[in-house]
Amino acid sequence: MTKLSIVGTLYESDRYIKEFFERSSSIAQKLVGDDYEIVLVNDGSPDDSLNCAIELTNNDPRVVVVDLSRNFGHHKAMMTGLAHAKGERVFLIDTDLEEEPEWLLKFSAMMAQEECDVVYGVQESRKGNRFERLSGQWFYLSFKVLTGLALPKNVVTARLMSRRYVDSLLRHQEREVFMAGLWHITGFKQCSCNITKHDTSITTYNLQRKMSILVNSVTSFSNAPLVNIFYFGALISIFASLYIVYLIVHWLFLATPLSGWTSVMASIWLLGGLIISFIGVVGIYLSKIFSETKQRPYTIVRQVYGKH
């Protein structure tokens, strides 16, 4: 077992790989000498990332490249990289240099000082334009309201983890991986470290993708939407019962014809929309059960280059 593993994923990363490798190697040598490895996971990158990474394995035996058979997504690629890491400490970081490899020294010092299992980076102020900042805040608030779990806000990928924490994290076998949630529920003592993330590339997390991640994360970590459907349905039934009593009393004692076309149509459309949306929520949970019962691997490795 090596003392340190540095894990990163590759997707359209060919212009960053060389600098990332040089900076990561330099910091690792300062920290643990030559007893480290760099694990790079190629997540079906359409550019020349794979060839650039393979070239590194030819020049440095401490570099390992895990080539996935296609693009599986950032979170699943990270889990695959962690599964191939053999270090006593594992430093997970994005390779696009928005996160600095030099943070490893700061994280390592904090881990020793606080005697914790995880040190993760938190942005002092979220990068990006106004929309990105507001949508990020909306995401964390919505997740907390819908699941009851309060995730740390503005976290980044970069984090230093102990071996026992990584082993525990890898015990999760979900097919729909949401890393921020898994990091949180795995537990152990975790410490945050304020950092400043750079802006070197355009984010791929648009509103549609953030909505998709929110739906996936909420339904993966909580049954609250299903429970809320029950309570909402019970509430509608109570109001409907009271309205029926009102109609009967009105018919018995007032005997005045009720003009109800507008209210009836509005009620039909309202209840119809609610029923369809509730069925949709149940359908999402059923699709997740379907996905989990098939037990498909969340990634497929085509080939591993390097000492592994």
C-alpha atoms as a PDB file:
ATOM      1  CA  MET A   1       0.000   0.000   0.000  1.00  0.00           C
ATOM      2  CA  THR A   2       1.307   3.440  -0.914  1.00  0.00           C
ATOM      3  CA  LYS A   3       1.138   6.398   1.417  1.00  0.00           C
ATOM      4  CA  LEU A   4      -0.797   8.652  -0.942  1.00  0.00           C
ATOM      5  CA  SER A   5      -3.097   8.309  -3.949  1.00  0.00           C
ATOM      6  CA  ILE A   6      -4.080  11.308  -6.056  1.00  0.00           C
ATOM      7  CA  VAL A   7      -7.259  10.589  -8.038  1.00  0.00           C
ATOM      8  CA  GLY A   8      -8.651  12.659 -10.902  1.00  0.00           C
ATOM      9  CA  THR A   9     -11.068  12.182 -13.800  1.00  0.00           C
ATOM     10  CA  LEU A  10     -10.462  13.094 -17.426  1.00  0.00           C
ATOM     11  CA  TYR A  11     -13.016  14.619 -19.773  1.00  0.00           C
ATOM     12  CA  GLU A  12     -11.843  17.123 -22.367  1.00  0.00           C
ATOM     13  CA  SER A  13      -8.759  17.504 -20.214  1.00  0.00           C
ATOM     14  CA  ASP A  14      -5.880  17.093 -22.696  1.00  0.00           C
ATOM     15  CA  ARG A  15      -4.742  20.708 -22.332  1.00  0.00           C
ATOM     16  CA  TYR A  16      -4.534  20.393 -18.541  1.00  0.00           C
ATOM     17  CA  ILE A  17      -3.026  16.927 -18.020  1.00  0.00           C
ATOM     18  CA  LYS A  18       0.663  17.766 -18.268  1.00  0.00           C
ATOM     19  CA  GLU A  19       0.519  20.709 -15.858  1.00  0.00           C
ATOM     20  CA  PHE A  20      -1.764  18.805 -13.492  1.00  0.00           C
ATOM     21  CA  PHE A  21       0.677  15.900 -13.420  1.00  0.00           C
ATOM     22  CA  GLU A  22       3.722  18.111 -12.823  1.00  0.00           C
ATOM     23  CA  ARG A  23       2.112  20.099 -10.029  1.00  0.00           C
ATOM     24  CA  SER A  24       0.585  17.038  -8.374  1.00  0.00           C
ATOM     25  CA  SER A  25       3.870  15.108  -8.517  1.00  0.00           C
ATOM     26  CA  SER A  26       5.788  18.017  -7.033  1.00  0.00           C
ATOM     27  CA  ILE A  27       3.407  18.376  -4.096  1.00  0.00           C
ATOM     28  CA  ALA A  28       3.218  14.619  -3.501  1.00  0.00           C
ATOM     29  CA  GLN A  29       7.018  14.353  -3.359  1.00  0.00           C
ATOM     30  CA  LYS A  30       7.184  17.136  -0.788  1.00  0.00           C
ATOM     31  CA  LEU A  31       4.629  15.326   1.330  1.00  0.00           C
ATOM     32  CA  VAL A  32       5.530  11.602   1.066  1.00  0.00           C
ATOM     33  CA  GLY A  33       8.631  11.375  -1.098  1.00  0.00           C
ATOM     34  CA  ASP A  34       8.274   8.810  -3.887  1.00  0.00           C
ATOM     35  CA  ASP A  35       5.641   6.725  -2.113  1.00  0.00           C
ATOM     36  CA  TYR A  36       2.592   7.921  -4.051  1.00  0.00           C
ATOM     37  CA  GLU A  37       0.491   7.175  -7.116  1.00  0.00           C
ATOM     38  CA  ILE A  38      -1.609   9.263  -9.484  1.00  0.00           C
ATOM     39  CA  VAL A  39      -4.791   7.550 -10.708  1.00  0.00           C
ATOM     40  CA  LEU A  40      -6.437   9.139 -13.756  1.00  0.00           C
ATOM     41  CA  VAL A  41      -9.830   7.899 -14.960  1.00  0.00           C
ATOM     42  CA  ASN A  42     -10.665   8.566 -18.594  1.00  0.00           C
ATOM     43  CA  ASP A  43     -14.431   9.059 -18.658  1.00  0.00           C
ATOM     44  CA  GLY A  44     -14.889   8.531 -22.386  1.00  0.00           C
ATOM     45  CA  SER A  45     -13.201  11.840 -23.204  1.00  0.00           C
ATOM     46  CA  PRO A  46     -13.677  12.803 -26.878  1.00  0.00           C
ATOM     47  CA  ASP A  47     -10.340  14.635 -27.105  1.00  0.00           C
ATOM     48  CA  ASP A  48      -6.770  13.335 -26.768  1.00  0.00           C
ATOM     49  CA  SER A  49      -6.888  12.970 -22.982  1.00  0.00           C
ATOM     50  CA  LEU A  50      -6.363   9.197 -23.029  1.00  0.00           C
ATOM     51  CA  ASN A  51      -3.238   9.292 -25.185  1.00  0.00           C
ATOM     52  CA  CYS A  52      -1.772  12.130 -23.120  1.00  0.00           C
ATOM     53  CA  ALA A  53      -2.388  10.160 -19.936  1.00  0.00           C
ATOM     54  CA  ILE A  54      -0.956   6.919 -21.377  1.00  0.00           C
ATOM     55  CA  GLU A  55       2.203   8.815 -22.317  1.00  0.00           C
ATOM     56  CA  LEU A  56       2.585   9.733 -18.653  1.00  0.00           C
ATOM     57  CA  THR A  57       2.455   6.050 -17.651  1.00  0.00           C
ATOM     58  CA  ASN A  58       5.350   5.364 -20.041  1.00  0.00           C
ATOM     59  CA  ASN A  59       7.476   8.008 -18.335  1.00  0.00           C
ATOM     60  CA  ASP A  60       6.419   7.552 -14.718  1.00  0.00           C
ATOM     61  CA  PRO A  61       5.507   4.145 -13.189  1.00  0.00           C
ATOM     62  CA  ARG A  62       3.546   5.905 -10.438  1.00  0.00           C
ATOM     63  CA  VAL A  63       0.834   6.971 -12.904  1.00  0.00           C
ATOM     64  CA  VAL A  64      -2.153   4.677 -13.423  1.00  0.00           C
ATOM     65  CA  VAL A  65      -4.746   5.305 -16.142  1.00  0.00           C
ATOM     66  CA  VAL A  66      -8.166   3.671 -15.911  1.00  0.00           C
ATOM     67  CA  ASP A  67      -9.887   3.836 -19.303  1.00  0.00           C
ATOM     68  CA  LEU A  68     -13.683   3.471 -19.136  1.00  0.00           C
ATOM     69  CA  SER A  69     -15.512   1.888 -22.047  1.00  0.00           C
ATOM     70  CA  ARG A  70     -17.626   5.024 -22.569  1.00  0.00           C
ATOM     71  CA  ASN A  71     -18.723   8.212 -20.805  1.00  0.00           C
ATOM     72  CA  PHE A  72     -20.479   7.229 -17.568  1.00  0.00           C
ATOM     73  CA  GLY A  73     -20.509  10.622 -15.858  1.00  0.00           C
ATOM     74  CA  HIS A  74     -18.282  12.514 -13.458  1.00  0.00           C
ATOM     75  CA  HIS A  75     -19.583  11.007 -10.220  1.00  0.00           C
ATOM     76  CA  LYS A  76     -19.371   7.391 -11.367  1.00  0.00           C
ATOM     77  CA  ALA A  77     -15.890   7.989 -12.772  1.00  0.00           C
ATOM     78  CA  MET A  78     -14.795   9.361  -9.393  1.00  0.00           C
ATOM     79  CA  MET A  79     -16.063   6.248  -7.605  1.00  0.00           C
ATOM     80  CA  THR A  80     -14.166   4.075 -10.090  1.00  0.00           C
ATOM     81  CA  GLY A  81     -10.978   6.041  -9.463  1.00  0.00           C
ATOM     82  CA  LEU A  82     -11.375   5.646  -5.705  1.00  0.00           C
ATOM     83  CA  ALA A  83     -11.864   1.906  -6.168  1.00  0.00           C
ATOM     84  CA  HIS A  84      -8.481   1.698  -7.936  1.00  0.00           C
ATOM     85  CA  ALA A  85      -6.636   3.896  -5.409  1.00  0.00           C
ATOM     86  CA  LYS A  86      -4.406   2.012  -2.974  1.00  0.00           C
ATOM     87  CA  GLY A  87      -3.076   4.829  -0.789  1.00  0.00           C
ATOM     88  CA  GLU A  88      -3.332   5.223   2.979  1.00  0.00           C
ATOM     89  CA  ARG A  89      -4.555   8.729   2.165  1.00  0.00           C
ATOM     90  CA  VAL A  90      -6.533   9.531  -0.985  1.00  0.00           C
ATOM     91  CA  PHE A  91      -6.644  13.009  -2.487  1.00  0.00           C
ATOM     92  CA  LEU A  92      -9.576  13.410  -4.897  1.00  0.00           C
ATOM     93  CA  ILE A  93      -9.416  16.426  -7.188  1.00  0.00           C
ATOM     94  CA  ASP A  94     -10.602  17.642 -10.596  1.00  0.00           C
ATOM     95  CA  THR A  95      -7.883  17.781 -13.239  1.00  0.00           C
ATOM     96  CA  ASP A  96      -8.976  21.003 -14.967  1.00  0.00           C
ATOM     97  CA  LEU A  97      -6.840  23.083 -12.556  1.00  0.00           C
ATOM     98  CA  GLU A  98      -9.816  25.027 -11.235  1.00  0.00           C
ATOM     99  CA  GLU A  99      -8.821  23.252  -8.031  1.00  0.00           C
ATOM    100  CA  GLU A 100      -5.172  23.572  -7.059  1.00  0.00           C
ATOM    101  CA  PRO A 101      -3.077  20.437  -6.409  1.00  0.00           C
ATOM    102  CA  GLU A 102      -1.196  22.582  -3.879  1.00  0.00           C
ATOM    103  CA  TRP A 103      -4.232  22.419  -1.588  1.00  0.00           C
ATOM    104  CA  LEU A 104      -3.004  18.937  -0.651  1.00  0.00           C
ATOM    105  CA  LEU A 105      -0.417  20.415   1.742  1.00  0.00           C
ATOM    106  CA  LYS A 106      -3.034  22.549   3.495  1.00  0.00           C
ATOM    107  CA  PHE A 107      -5.518  19.670   3.690  1.00  0.00           C
ATOM    108  CA  SER A 108      -2.863  17.297   5.045  1.00  0.00           C
ATOM    109  CA  ALA A 109      -1.848  19.713   7.783  1.00  0.00           C
ATOM    110  CA  MET A 110      -5.492  20.218   8.799  1.00  0.00           C
ATOM    111  CA  MET A 111      -6.135  16.456   8.812  1.00  0.00           C
ATOM    112  CA  ALA A 112      -3.230  15.933  11.203  1.00  0.00           C
ATOM    113  CA  GLN A 113      -4.206  18.865  13.401  1.00  0.00           C
ATOM    114  CA  GLU A 114      -7.910  18.042  13.632  1.00  0.00           C
ATOM    115  CA  GLU A 115      -7.412  14.244  13.641  1.00  0.00           C
ATOM    116  CA  CYS A 116     -10.232  13.857  11.116  1.00  0.00           C
ATOM    117  CA  ASP A 117     -10.894  11.392   8.317  1.00  0.00           C
ATOM    118  CA  VAL A 118     -11.853  13.931   5.654  1.00  0.00           C
ATOM    119  CA  VAL A 119     -10.787  17.448   4.793  1.00  0.00           C
ATOM    120  CA  TYR A 120     -12.861  18.937   1.978  1.00  0.00           C
ATOM    121  CA  GLY A 121     -12.720  22.252   0.183  1.00  0.00           C
ATOM    122  CA  VAL A 122     -15.472  24.852   0.469  1.00  0.00           C
ATOM    123  CA  GLN A 123     -15.649  27.921  -1.757  1.00  0.00           C
ATOM    124  CA  GLU A 124     -15.702  31.187   0.153  1.00  0.00           C
ATOM    125  CA  SER A 125     -17.880  32.570  -2.641  1.00  0.00           C
ATOM    126  CA  ARG A 126     -19.358  30.431  -5.398  1.00  0.00           C
ATOM    127  CA  LYS A 127     -17.729  31.028  -8.783  1.00  0.00           C
ATOM    128  CA  GLY A 128     -19.675  31.871 -11.919  1.00  0.00           C
ATOM    129  CA  ASN A 129     -22.288  34.404 -12.911  1.00  0.00           C
ATOM    130  CA  ARG A 130     -25.357  35.424 -10.943  1.00  0.00           C
ATOM    131  CA  PHE A 131     -27.438  32.572 -12.356  1.00  0.00           C
ATOM    132  CA  GLU A 132     -24.886  29.939 -11.336  1.00  0.00           C
ATOM    133  CA  ARG A 133     -24.671  31.315  -7.800  1.00  0.00           C
ATOM    134  CA  LEU A 134     -28.449  31.571  -7.351  1.00  0.00           C
ATOM    135  CA  SER A 135     -29.126  28.153  -8.858  1.00  0.00           C
ATOM    136  CA  GLY A 136     -26.478  26.643  -6.560  1.00  0.00           C
ATOM    137  CA  GLN A 137     -28.157  28.161  -3.501  1.00  0.00           C
ATOM    138  CA  TRP A 138     -31.551  26.997  -4.757  1.00  0.00           C
ATOM    139  CA  PHE A 139     -30.217  23.452  -5.199  1.00  0.00           C
ATOM    140  CA  TYR A 140     -28.933  23.111  -1.624  1.00  0.00           C
ATOM    141  CA  LEU A 141     -32.087  24.687  -0.156  1.00  0.00           C
ATOM    142  CA  SER A 142     -34.394  22.440  -2.195  1.00  0.00           C
ATOM    143  CA  PHE A 143     -32.408  19.349  -1.269  1.00  0.00           C
ATOM    144  CA  LYS A 144     -32.612  20.195   2.435  1.00  0.00           C
ATOM    145  CA  VAL A 145     -36.362  20.912   2.297  1.00  0.00           C
ATOM    146  CA  LEU A 146     -37.165  17.732   0.361  1.00  0.00           C
ATOM    147  CA  THR A 147     -34.846  15.291   2.166  1.00  0.00           C
ATOM    148  CA  GLY A 148     -34.123  16.796   5.563  1.00  0.00           C
ATOM    149  CA  LEU A 149     -30.375  16.381   4.938  1.00  0.00           C
ATOM    150  CA  ALA A 150     -28.303  19.544   5.238  1.00  0.00           C
ATOM    151  CA  LEU A 151     -25.370  19.139   2.872  1.00  0.00           C
ATOM    152  CA  PRO A 152     -22.339  21.418   3.247  1.00  0.00           C
ATOM    153  CA  LYS A 153     -22.797  24.315   0.829  1.00  0.00           C
ATOM    154  CA  ASN A 154     -20.438  25.237  -2.001  1.00  0.00           C
ATOM    155  CA  VAL A 155     -18.283  22.144  -1.622  1.00  0.00           C
ATOM    156  CA  VAL A 156     -15.793  21.284  -4.347  1.00  0.00           C
ATOM    157  CA  THR A 157     -14.471  17.940  -5.521  1.00  0.00           C
ATOM    158  CA  ALA A 158     -11.076  18.373  -3.843  1.00  0.00           C
ATOM    159  CA  ARG A 159     -10.856  16.408  -0.607  1.00  0.00           C
ATOM    160  CA  LEU A 160      -8.278  14.395   1.318  1.00  0.00           C
ATOM    161  CA  MET A 161      -9.623  11.157   2.792  1.00  0.00           C
ATOM    162  CA  SER A 162      -8.359   8.420   5.071  1.00  0.00           C
ATOM    163  CA  ARG A 163      -8.215   4.800   3.943  1.00  0.00           C
ATOM    164  CA  ARG A 164     -11.026   3.692   6.242  1.00  0.00           C
ATOM    165  CA  TYR A 165     -13.288   6.468   4.992  1.00  0.00           C
ATOM    166  CA  VAL A 166     -12.649   5.571   1.329  1.00  0.00           C
ATOM    167  CA  ASP A 167     -13.301   1.881   2.026  1.00  0.00           C
ATOM    168  CA  SER A 168     -16.582   2.811   3.721  1.00  0.00           C
ATOM    169  CA  LEU A 169     -17.547   5.137   0.861  1.00  0.00           C
ATOM    170  CA  LEU A 170     -16.986   2.352  -1.660  1.00  0.00           C
ATOM    171  CA  ARG A 171     -19.453   0.113   0.165  1.00  0.00           C
ATOM    172  CA  HIS A 172     -22.287   2.165  -1.345  1.00  0.00           C
ATOM    173  CA  GLN A 173     -23.559   0.309  -4.393  1.00  0.00           C
ATOM    174  CA  GLU A 174     -26.109   2.722  -5.880  1.00  0.00           C
ATOM    175  CA  ARG A 175     -26.470   2.718  -9.653  1.00  0.00           C
ATOM    176  CA  GLU A 176     -27.468   6.407  -9.579  1.00  0.00           C
ATOM    177  CA  VAL A 177     -24.492   8.004  -7.847  1.00  0.00           C
ATOM    178  CA  PHE A 178     -24.769  11.412  -6.159  1.00  0.00           C
ATOM    179  CA  MET A 179     -21.362  12.028  -4.622  1.00  0.00           C
ATOM    180  CA  ALA A 180     -22.192  15.005  -2.380  1.00  0.00           C
ATOM    181  CA  GLY A 181     -24.842  12.926  -0.646  1.00  0.00           C
ATOM    182  CA  LEU A 182     -22.628   9.841  -0.322  1.00  0.00           C
ATOM    183  CA  TRP A 183     -19.770  11.930   1.074  1.00  0.00           C
ATOM    184  CA  HIS A 184     -22.139  13.261   3.728  1.00  0.00           C
ATOM    185  CA  ILE A 185     -23.940  10.092   4.815  1.00  0.00           C
ATOM    186  CA  THR A 186     -20.747   8.017   5.007  1.00  0.00           C
ATOM    187  CA  GLY A 187     -20.027   9.881   8.208  1.00  0.00           C
ATOM    188  CA  PHE A 188     -16.746   9.983  10.178  1.00  0.00           C
ATOM    189  CA  LYS A 189     -15.226  13.259  11.321  1.00  0.00           C
ATOM    190  CA  GLN A 190     -15.112  15.687   8.395  1.00  0.00           C
ATOM    191  CA  CYS A 191     -13.549  19.156   8.384  1.00  0.00           C
ATOM    192  CA  SER A 192     -14.035  21.952   5.884  1.00  0.00           C
ATOM    193  CA  CYS A 193     -11.275  24.159   4.529  1.00  0.00           C
ATOM    194  CA  ASN A 194     -11.994  27.472   2.824  1.00  0.00           C
ATOM    195  CA  ILE A 195     -10.508  27.712  -0.652  1.00  0.00           C
ATOM    196  CA  THR A 196     -10.842  29.853  -3.766  1.00  0.00           C
ATOM    197  CA  LYS A 197     -11.736  27.922  -6.890  1.00  0.00           C
ATOM    198  CA  HIS A 198     -10.479  29.210 -10.217  1.00  0.00           C
ATOM    199  CA  ASP A 199     -12.580  29.637 -13.342  1.00  0.00           C
ATOM    200  CA  THR A 200     -10.731  27.963 -16.216  1.00  0.00           C
ATOM    201  CA  SER A 201     -13.618  26.412 -18.141  1.00  0.00           C
ATOM    202  CA  ILE A 202     -17.306  26.841 -18.888  1.00  0.00           C
ATOM    203  CA  THR A 203     -19.526  24.880 -16.540  1.00  0.00           C
ATOM    204  CA  THR A 204     -21.555  22.018 -18.031  1.00  0.00           C
ATOM    205  CA  TYR A 205     -24.113  22.170 -15.213  1.00  0.00           C
ATOM    206  CA  ASN A 206     -26.933  24.104 -16.875  1.00  0.00           C
ATOM    207  CA  LEU A 207     -30.427  24.479 -15.396  1.00  0.00           C
ATOM    208  CA  GLN A 208     -31.727  21.296 -17.029  1.00  0.00           C
ATOM    209  CA  ARG A 209     -28.834  19.236 -15.687  1.00  0.00           C
ATOM    210  CA  LYS A 210     -29.161  20.752 -12.221  1.00  0.00           C
ATOM    211  CA  MET A 211     -32.877  19.871 -12.218  1.00  0.00           C
ATOM    212  CA  SER A 212     -32.012  16.322 -13.250  1.00  0.00           C
ATOM    213  CA  ILE A 213     -29.399  16.048 -10.478  1.00  0.00           C
ATOM    214  CA  LEU A 214     -31.858  17.454  -7.923  1.00  0.00           C
ATOM    215  CA  VAL A 215     -34.551  14.903  -8.844  1.00  0.00           C
ATOM    216  CA  ASN A 216     -32.011  12.076  -8.821  1.00  0.00           C
ATOM    217  CA  SER A 217     -30.438  13.115  -5.526  1.00  0.00           C
ATOM    218  CA  VAL A 218     -33.733  13.686  -3.694  1.00  0.00           C
ATOM    219  CA  THR A 219     -35.245  10.375  -4.788  1.00  0.00           C
ATOM    220  CA  SER A 220     -31.987   8.563  -3.979  1.00  0.00           C
ATOM    221  CA  PHE A 221     -31.669   9.876  -0.439  1.00  0.00           C
ATOM    222  CA  SER A 222     -35.214  10.314   0.829  1.00  0.00           C
ATOM    223  CA  ASN A 223     -38.730   8.917   0.614  1.00  0.00           C
ATOM    224  CA  ALA A 224     -40.088  12.305   1.714  1.00  0.00           C
ATOM    225  CA  PRO A 225     -41.839  12.999  -1.642  1.00  0.00           C
ATOM    226  CA  LEU A 226     -43.825   9.766  -1.294  1.00  0.00           C
ATOM    227  CA  VAL A 227     -44.744  10.565   2.312  1.00  0.00           C
ATOM    228  CA  ASN A 228     -45.724  14.109   1.348  1.00  0.00           C
ATOM    229  CA  ILE A 229     -47.996  12.760  -1.377  1.00  0.00           C
ATOM    230  CA  PHE A 230     -49.898  10.805   1.283  1.00  0.00           C
ATOM    231  CA  TYR A 231     -50.309  13.847   3.542  1.00  0.00           C
ATOM    232  CA  PHE A 232     -51.262  16.082   0.636  1.00  0.00           C
ATOM    233  CA  GLY A 233     -53.848  13.570  -0.513  1.00  0.00           C
ATOM    234  CA  ALA A 234     -55.243  13.320   3.015  1.00  0.00           C
ATOM    235  CA  LEU A 235     -55.456  17.113   3.204  1.00  0.00           C
ATOM    236  CA  ILE A 236     -57.356  17.283  -0.094  1.00  0.00           C
ATOM    237  CA  SER A 237     -59.748  14.590   1.166  1.00  0.00           C
ATOM    238  CA  ILE A 238     -60.460  16.597   4.331  1.00  0.00           C
ATOM    239  CA  PHE A 239     -61.202  19.754   2.351  1.00  0.00           C
ATOM    240  CA  ALA A 240     -63.375  17.767  -0.058  1.00  0.00           C
ATOM    241  CA  SER A 241     -65.348  16.263   2.844  1.00  0.00           C
ATOM    242  CA  LEU A 242     -65.930  19.670   4.383  1.00  0.00           C
ATOM    243  CA  TYR A 243     -67.050  21.018   1.014  1.00  0.00           C
ATOM    244  CA  ILE A 244     -69.531  18.145   0.645  1.00  0.00           C
ATOM    245  CA  VAL A 245     -71.001  18.959   4.056  1.00  0.00           C
ATOM    246  CA  TYR A 246     -71.289  22.592   3.004  1.00  0.00           C
ATOM    247  CA  LEU A 247     -73.120  21.623  -0.217  1.00  0.00           C
ATOM    248  CA  ILE A 248     -75.576  19.400   1.673  1.00  0.00           C
ATOM    249  CA  VAL A 249     -76.332  22.121   4.234  1.00  0.00           C
ATOM    250  CA  HIS A 250     -76.717  24.674   1.440  1.00  0.00           C
ATOM    251  CA  TRP A 251     -79.158  22.394  -0.428  1.00  0.00           C
ATOM    252  CA  LEU A 252     -81.241  21.563   2.661  1.00  0.00           C
ATOM    253  CA  PHE A 253     -81.623  25.013   4.192  1.00  0.00           C
ATOM    254  CA  LEU A 254     -80.980  27.606   1.485  1.00  0.00           C
ATOM    255  CA  ALA A 255     -82.336  25.828  -1.565  1.00  0.00           C
ATOM    256  CA  THR A 256     -80.566  28.268  -3.839  1.00  0.00           C
ATOM    257  CA  PRO A 257     -79.158  26.791  -7.066  1.00  0.00           C
ATOM    258  CA  LEU A 258     -75.380  26.900  -7.099  1.00  0.00           C
ATOM    259  CA  SER A 259     -73.604  28.165 -10.204  1.00  0.00           C
ATOM    260  CA  GLY A 260     -70.567  25.888 -10.187  1.00  0.00           C
ATOM    261  CA  TRP A 261     -69.283  25.480 -13.743  1.00  0.00           C
ATOM    262  CA  THR A 262     -66.091  27.485 -13.143  1.00  0.00           C
ATOM    263  CA  SER A 263     -65.352  25.929  -9.769  1.00  0.00           C
ATOM    264  CA  VAL A 264     -66.035  22.405 -11.050  1.00  0.00           C
ATOM    265  CA  MET A 265     -63.743  22.791 -14.068  1.00  0.00           C
ATOM    266  CA  ALA A 266     -61.023  24.398 -11.966  1.00  0.00           C
ATOM    267  CA  SER A 267     -61.253  21.549  -9.469  1.00  0.00           C
ATOM    268  CA  ILE A 268     -61.097  18.925 -12.212  1.00  0.00           C
ATOM    269  CA  TRP A 269     -57.994  20.469 -13.768  1.00  0.00           C
ATOM    270  CA  LEU A 270     -56.353  20.977 -10.374  1.00  0.00           C
ATOM    271  CA  LEU A 271     -56.976  17.453  -9.148  1.00  0.00           C
ATOM    272  CA  GLY A 272     -56.097  15.992 -12.554  1.00  0.00           C
ATOM    273  CA  GLY A 273     -52.759  17.791 -12.536  1.00  0.00           C
ATOM    274  CA  LEU A 274     -52.045  16.702  -8.976  1.00  0.00           C
ATOM    275  CA  ILE A 275     -52.871  13.075  -9.753  1.00  0.00           C
ATOM    276  CA  ILE A 276     -50.612  13.046 -12.818  1.00  0.00           C
ATOM    277  CA  SER A 277     -47.714  14.663 -10.916  1.00  0.00           C
ATOM    278  CA  PHE A 278     -48.129  12.244  -8.000  1.00  0.00           C
ATOM    279  CA  ILE A 279     -48.120   9.278 -10.365  1.00  0.00           C
ATOM    280  CA  GLY A 280     -44.961  10.752 -11.894  1.00  0.00           C
ATOM    281  CA  VAL A 281     -43.236  10.850  -8.492  1.00  0.00           C
ATOM    282  CA  VAL A 282     -44.191   7.243  -7.837  1.00  0.00           C
ATOM    283  CA  GLY A 283     -42.944   6.391 -11.333  1.00  0.00           C
ATOM    284  CA  ILE A 284     -39.536   7.930 -10.568  1.00  0.00           C
ATOM    285  CA  TYR A 285     -39.171   5.734  -7.491  1.00  0.00           C
ATOM    286  CA  LEU A 286     -40.279   2.662  -9.439  1.00  0.00           C
ATOM    287  CA  SER A 287     -37.695   3.412 -12.144  1.00  0.00           C
ATOM    288  CA  LYS A 288     -35.003   3.591  -9.462  1.00  0.00           C
ATOM    289  CA  ILE A 289     -36.107   0.241  -8.039  1.00  0.00           C
ATOM    290  CA  PHE A 290     -35.988  -1.160 -11.576  1.00  0.00           C
ATOM    291  CA  SER A 291     -32.475   0.219 -12.062  1.00  0.00           C
ATOM    292  CA  GLU A 292     -31.204  -1.128  -8.746  1.00  0.00           C
ATOM    293  CA  THR A 293     -32.674  -4.614  -9.150  1.00  0.00           C
ATOM    294  CA  LYS A 294     -30.860  -5.096 -12.486  1.00  0.00           C
ATOM    295  CA  GLN A 295     -27.535  -4.672 -10.642  1.00  0.00           C
ATOM    296  CA  ARG A 296     -25.690  -3.368 -13.674  1.00  0.00           C
ATOM    297  CA  PRO A 297     -22.156  -2.101 -12.943  1.00  0.00           C
ATOM    298  CA  TYR A 298     -22.116   1.685 -12.741  1.00  0.00           C
ATOM    299  CA  THR A 299     -18.968   1.759 -14.892  1.00  0.00           C
ATOM    300  CA  ILE A 300     -17.143  -0.668 -17.178  1.00  0.00           C
ATOM    301  CA  VAL A 301     -13.348  -0.517 -17.396  1.00  0.00           C
ATOM    302  CA  ARG A 302     -11.944  -1.146 -20.863  1.00  0.00           C
ATOM    303  CA  GLN A 303      -8.276  -1.229 -19.850  1.00  0.00           C
ATOM    304  CA  VAL A 304      -5.940  -0.178 -17.061  1.00  0.00           C
ATOM    305  CA  TYR A 305      -2.560   1.290 -18.017  1.00  0.00           C
ATOM    306  CA  GLY A 306       0.331   1.364 -15.571  1.00  0.00           C
ATOM    307  CA  LYS A 307       1.537  -0.772 -12.690  1.00  0.00           C
ATOM    308  CA  HIS A 308      -1.964  -2.065 -11.836  1.00  0.00           C
END
